[in-house]
Amino acid sequence: MEVRLRHDWDLTPEQAIALQQDLRQDILTTDDLGSVSTVAGIDVGFEESGTITRAAVVVLSFPELRLVAQAIARRPTCFPYVPGLLSFREVPAVLDALQNLSTMPDLLLCDGQGTAHPRRFGIACHIGLLTGLPAIGVGKSLLVGRHTEVPDQKGAWVPLQYQGDTIGAVLRTRIGTKPLYISPGHRISLPTAIDYVLRCTTKYRLPETTRYAHKLASETPAAQLESNPGTNQQLTLNL
């Protein structure tokens, strides 16, 4: 995978905010997708009391949602926990994991926000812009904005509003469960992002991409190898 845009990661929170304000101008929230035959879930966890960042990427066939490839990367955590700046803490390890994949996905579904962010530049925007890949933010909780109640039926959604703009959608993916917060990351519109999230969701609240990636990000290395002995397993520690 070619990283199309590079910048320094050794930043203060103030510098990171300024960079978000600058890079947000390059985000595309219109459809610029080709044919989608693979989708990827991205999730990030932490080890050793947060000192090691562990990123997991899982590629599934689309629309079958069968496991195609997966990769994990670990590196020391080098940015503090600051709400709204989590991509600076997590993305370096995500880029390492993407580099380890044997099959590059056509579309990324990131565990986190896209434009549903105070500066319209969540982790899905950051990863999408750096890689050039279409990306969707799939947040499990509200970061910013207001919305009306979502009807309790699968596929129902309402706009997520912030400062007079629609920054995403609040989507019900399963009856009787909390909704998800969907927003464009890069090279995709909100309606298309909603459509792909629903097509990647089966009987659970979370899309299969997120479920696979979360499981991989949360397991111990031994469990990962035992449960997926035949897949592309790449484990790296970048020190």
Protein backbone atom coordinates (compact mmCIF):
# COMPACT_ATOMS: atom_id res chain seq x y z
CA MET A 1 0.00 0.00 0.00
CA GLU A 2 1.24 3.45 -0.89
CA VAL A 3 0.77 6.16 1.72
CA ARG A 4 -0.22 9.08 -0.49
CA LEU A 5 0.15 11.81 2.08
CA ARG A 6 2.71 11.99 4.87
CA HIS A 7 3.10 14.34 7.79
CA ASP A 8 4.99 14.45 11.06
CA TRP A 9 3.44 12.47 13.95
CA ASP A 10 5.55 14.16 16.63
CA LEU A 11 3.06 16.94 17.30
CA THR A 12 1.61 18.78 20.25
CA PRO A 13 -2.20 18.68 20.61
CA GLU A 14 -2.33 22.29 19.39
CA GLN A 15 -0.33 21.39 16.28
CA ALA A 16 -2.54 18.34 15.68
CA ILE A 17 -5.68 20.49 15.79
CA ALA A 18 -4.17 22.93 13.30
CA LEU A 19 -3.27 20.03 11.01
CA GLN A 20 -6.83 18.70 11.15
CA GLN A 21 -8.14 22.13 10.19
CA ASP A 22 -5.78 22.17 7.22
CA LEU A 23 -6.31 18.60 5.99
CA ARG A 24 -10.11 18.70 6.25
CA GLN A 25 -10.17 20.86 3.13
CA ASP A 26 -9.05 17.86 1.05
CA ILE A 27 -11.75 15.43 2.22
CA LEU A 28 -14.22 14.33 -0.48
CA THR A 29 -17.76 13.63 0.70
CA THR A 30 -19.04 12.72 -2.74
CA ASP A 31 -18.94 9.26 -4.28
CA ASP A 32 -15.62 8.40 -5.87
CA LEU A 33 -15.70 4.61 -5.59
CA GLY A 34 -14.96 2.04 -8.23
CA SER A 35 -16.24 -1.49 -8.05
CA VAL A 36 -16.29 -2.76 -4.47
CA SER A 37 -15.45 -6.45 -4.13
CA THR A 38 -13.64 -6.25 -0.77
CA VAL A 39 -14.38 -4.28 2.38
CA ALA A 40 -12.17 -3.90 5.43
CA GLY A 41 -12.80 -3.34 9.10
CA ILE A 42 -10.30 -1.38 11.19
CA ASP A 43 -10.11 -1.43 14.96
CA VAL A 44 -7.46 -0.42 17.48
CA GLY A 45 -6.71 -1.69 20.96
CA PHE A 46 -3.98 -1.11 23.53
CA GLU A 47 -1.63 -3.33 25.48
CA GLU A 48 0.64 -2.93 28.49
CA SER A 49 -1.42 -0.22 30.19
CA GLY A 50 -1.81 1.72 26.95
CA THR A 51 1.88 1.94 26.11
CA ILE A 52 1.52 -0.30 23.03
CA THR A 53 -0.99 0.44 20.27
CA ARG A 54 -2.36 -2.62 18.47
CA ALA A 55 -4.15 -2.11 15.15
CA ALA A 56 -6.15 -4.81 13.40
CA VAL A 57 -7.36 -4.80 9.80
CA VAL A 58 -9.64 -7.52 8.45
CA VAL A 59 -10.57 -7.79 4.76
CA LEU A 60 -13.85 -9.46 3.78
CA SER A 61 -15.25 -10.29 0.38
CA PHE A 62 -18.23 -8.18 -0.65
CA PRO A 63 -21.13 -8.81 -0.65
CA GLU A 64 -20.48 -12.33 0.72
CA LEU A 65 -18.62 -11.02 3.81
CA ARG A 66 -16.19 -13.94 3.91
CA LEU A 67 -12.75 -13.57 5.48
CA VAL A 68 -10.06 -12.84 2.86
CA ALA A 69 -7.07 -11.46 4.77
CA GLN A 70 -6.11 -9.96 8.08
CA ALA A 71 -3.15 -8.21 9.63
CA ILE A 72 -2.05 -6.82 12.98
CA ALA A 73 0.61 -4.26 13.79
CA ARG A 74 1.93 -3.02 17.10
CA ARG A 75 3.97 0.05 17.94
CA PRO A 76 4.67 2.16 21.02
CA THR A 77 1.93 4.67 21.79
CA CYS A 78 3.38 8.11 21.15
CA PHE A 79 0.44 10.50 21.48
CA PRO A 80 -1.65 11.22 24.61
CA TYR A 81 -5.34 10.39 24.89
CA VAL A 82 -7.11 13.56 23.77
CA PRO A 83 -10.78 13.38 22.67
CA GLY A 84 -11.05 14.54 19.07
CA LEU A 85 -7.39 13.70 18.38
CA LEU A 86 -7.49 9.92 18.66
CA SER A 87 -6.33 9.43 15.08
CA PHE A 88 -2.89 10.81 16.02
CA ARG A 89 -2.69 8.11 18.69
CA GLU A 90 -3.99 5.24 16.53
CA VAL A 91 -3.33 5.81 12.83
CA PRO A 92 0.44 5.08 12.76
CA ALA A 93 -0.25 1.48 13.82
CA VAL A 94 -3.19 1.26 11.40
CA LEU A 95 -0.94 2.25 8.51
CA ASP A 96 1.53 -0.47 9.53
CA ALA A 97 -1.25 -3.06 9.55
CA LEU A 98 -2.50 -1.97 6.14
CA GLN A 99 1.04 -2.31 4.79
CA ASN A 100 1.05 -5.94 5.94
CA LEU A 101 -2.10 -6.98 4.06
CA SER A 102 -1.82 -9.40 1.16
CA THR A 103 -5.08 -8.02 -0.32
CA MET A 104 -5.86 -4.32 -0.32
CA PRO A 105 -9.55 -3.49 0.27
CA ASP A 106 -11.73 -1.37 -1.96
CA LEU A 107 -13.50 0.30 0.98
CA LEU A 108 -12.59 0.88 4.64
CA LEU A 109 -15.07 0.83 7.53
CA CYS A 110 -13.31 2.41 10.51
CA ASP A 111 -14.30 2.00 14.13
CA GLY A 112 -14.70 5.69 14.90
CA GLN A 113 -15.86 8.91 13.31
CA GLY A 114 -15.46 10.46 9.90
CA THR A 115 -16.95 13.92 9.43
CA ALA A 116 -19.02 13.46 12.63
CA HIS A 117 -16.25 15.24 14.46
CA PRO A 118 -15.82 18.76 15.93
CA ARG A 119 -13.44 19.68 13.09
CA ARG A 120 -15.00 17.29 10.51
CA PHE A 121 -11.81 15.22 10.56
CA GLY A 122 -12.15 11.98 12.50
CA ILE A 123 -10.06 8.85 12.13
CA ALA A 124 -11.89 7.65 9.00
CA CYS A 125 -11.08 10.96 7.27
CA HIS A 126 -7.47 10.77 8.39
CA ILE A 127 -6.92 7.19 7.18
CA GLY A 128 -8.82 7.78 3.95
CA LEU A 129 -6.81 10.87 3.09
CA LEU A 130 -3.44 9.30 3.93
CA THR A 131 -4.12 6.13 1.92
CA GLY A 132 -6.36 7.50 -0.80
CA LEU A 133 -8.89 4.73 -0.04
CA PRO A 134 -12.63 5.34 0.31
CA ALA A 135 -13.48 5.24 4.01
CA ILE A 136 -16.51 5.33 6.30
CA GLY A 137 -16.67 6.25 9.96
CA VAL A 138 -18.73 3.79 12.01
CA GLY A 139 -18.93 5.14 15.54
CA LYS A 140 -20.49 3.23 18.41
CA SER A 141 -21.12 6.37 20.46
CA LEU A 142 -21.85 10.04 19.91
CA LEU A 143 -18.87 12.37 19.77
CA VAL A 144 -20.56 15.61 18.79
CA GLY A 145 -23.90 16.82 17.45
CA ARG A 146 -27.62 16.39 18.09
CA HIS A 147 -30.33 14.25 16.57
CA THR A 148 -33.93 13.21 16.96
CA GLU A 149 -35.01 9.76 18.08
CA VAL A 150 -34.32 6.99 15.55
CA PRO A 151 -37.31 4.75 14.75
CA ASP A 152 -36.84 1.25 16.16
CA GLN A 153 -36.55 -0.58 12.87
CA LYS A 154 -33.54 -1.84 10.98
CA GLY A 155 -32.36 0.63 8.35
CA ALA A 156 -34.06 3.66 9.94
CA TRP A 157 -31.87 6.72 10.34
CA VAL A 158 -32.00 10.41 11.19
CA PRO A 159 -29.52 13.20 10.39
CA LEU A 160 -26.82 14.09 12.88
CA GLN A 161 -26.61 17.88 13.11
CA TYR A 162 -23.81 20.12 14.38
CA GLN A 163 -23.41 23.87 13.99
CA GLY A 164 -26.14 23.95 11.37
CA ASP A 165 -24.65 21.19 9.19
CA THR A 166 -25.48 17.53 8.69
CA ILE A 167 -22.26 15.80 9.71
CA GLY A 168 -23.49 12.21 9.64
CA ALA A 169 -26.39 9.88 10.29
CA VAL A 170 -27.68 8.00 13.32
CA LEU A 171 -28.50 4.56 11.97
CA ARG A 172 -30.50 1.72 13.52
CA THR A 173 -28.87 -1.53 12.38
CA ARG A 174 -30.83 -3.86 14.65
CA ILE A 175 -34.19 -3.58 16.40
CA GLY A 176 -33.96 -3.00 20.12
CA THR A 177 -30.30 -1.95 20.16
CA LYS A 178 -28.49 1.38 20.28
CA PRO A 179 -27.92 3.04 16.90
CA LEU A 180 -24.57 3.63 15.21
CA TYR A 181 -23.11 6.97 14.13
CA ILE A 182 -22.23 6.86 10.44
CA SER A 183 -20.32 9.53 8.56
CA PRO A 184 -18.22 9.85 5.40
CA GLY A 185 -14.49 9.48 5.84
CA HIS A 186 -13.22 10.11 2.33
CA ARG A 187 -14.41 9.59 -1.27
CA ILE A 188 -17.95 8.60 -0.29
CA SER A 189 -21.25 10.36 0.32
CA LEU A 190 -23.41 9.94 3.40
CA PRO A 191 -26.24 8.01 1.64
CA THR A 192 -23.74 5.61 0.09
CA ALA A 193 -21.95 5.18 3.41
CA ILE A 194 -25.25 4.23 5.07
CA ASP A 195 -25.99 1.75 2.29
CA TYR A 196 -22.63 -0.02 2.62
CA VAL A 197 -22.87 -0.20 6.41
CA LEU A 198 -26.29 -1.83 6.15
CA ARG A 199 -25.07 -4.26 3.49
CA CYS A 200 -22.19 -5.24 5.78
CA THR A 201 -24.52 -5.81 8.74
CA THR A 202 -26.15 -9.20 9.31
CA LYS A 203 -27.95 -10.13 12.53
CA TYR A 204 -25.81 -8.08 14.89
CA ARG A 205 -25.69 -4.40 15.78
CA LEU A 206 -22.20 -3.92 14.35
CA PRO A 207 -21.24 -4.54 10.72
CA GLU A 208 -19.27 -7.73 10.14
CA THR A 209 -16.18 -5.67 9.27
CA THR A 210 -16.16 -4.08 12.71
CA ARG A 211 -16.95 -7.34 14.51
CA TYR A 212 -14.09 -9.20 12.83
CA ALA A 213 -11.62 -6.37 13.40
CA HIS A 214 -12.62 -5.88 17.04
CA LYS A 215 -12.18 -9.58 17.74
CA LEU A 216 -8.74 -9.55 16.14
CA ALA A 217 -7.70 -6.37 17.96
CA SER A 218 -8.83 -7.77 21.31
CA GLU A 219 -7.43 -11.30 21.20
CA THR A 220 -4.04 -12.40 22.46
CA PRO A 221 -1.50 -13.35 19.75
CA ALA A 222 -1.80 -17.05 20.63
CA ALA A 223 -5.58 -16.97 20.32
CA GLN A 224 -5.35 -15.17 16.98
CA LEU A 225 -3.10 -17.84 15.51
CA GLU A 226 -5.16 -20.70 16.90
CA SER A 227 -8.49 -19.34 15.67
CA ASN A 228 -7.24 -18.30 12.20
CA PRO A 229 -4.42 -20.68 11.23
CA GLY A 230 -5.09 -20.49 7.49
CA THR A 231 -5.44 -16.77 6.96
CA ASN A 232 -2.84 -14.15 6.17
CA GLN A 233 -1.55 -13.47 9.67
CA GLN A 234 0.99 -10.68 9.94
CA LEU A 235 2.20 -9.65 13.38
CA THR A 236 4.68 -6.80 13.63
CA LEU A 237 6.12 -4.72 16.43
CA ASN A 238 7.57 -1.42 15.28
CA LEU A 239 9.83 0.01 17.97
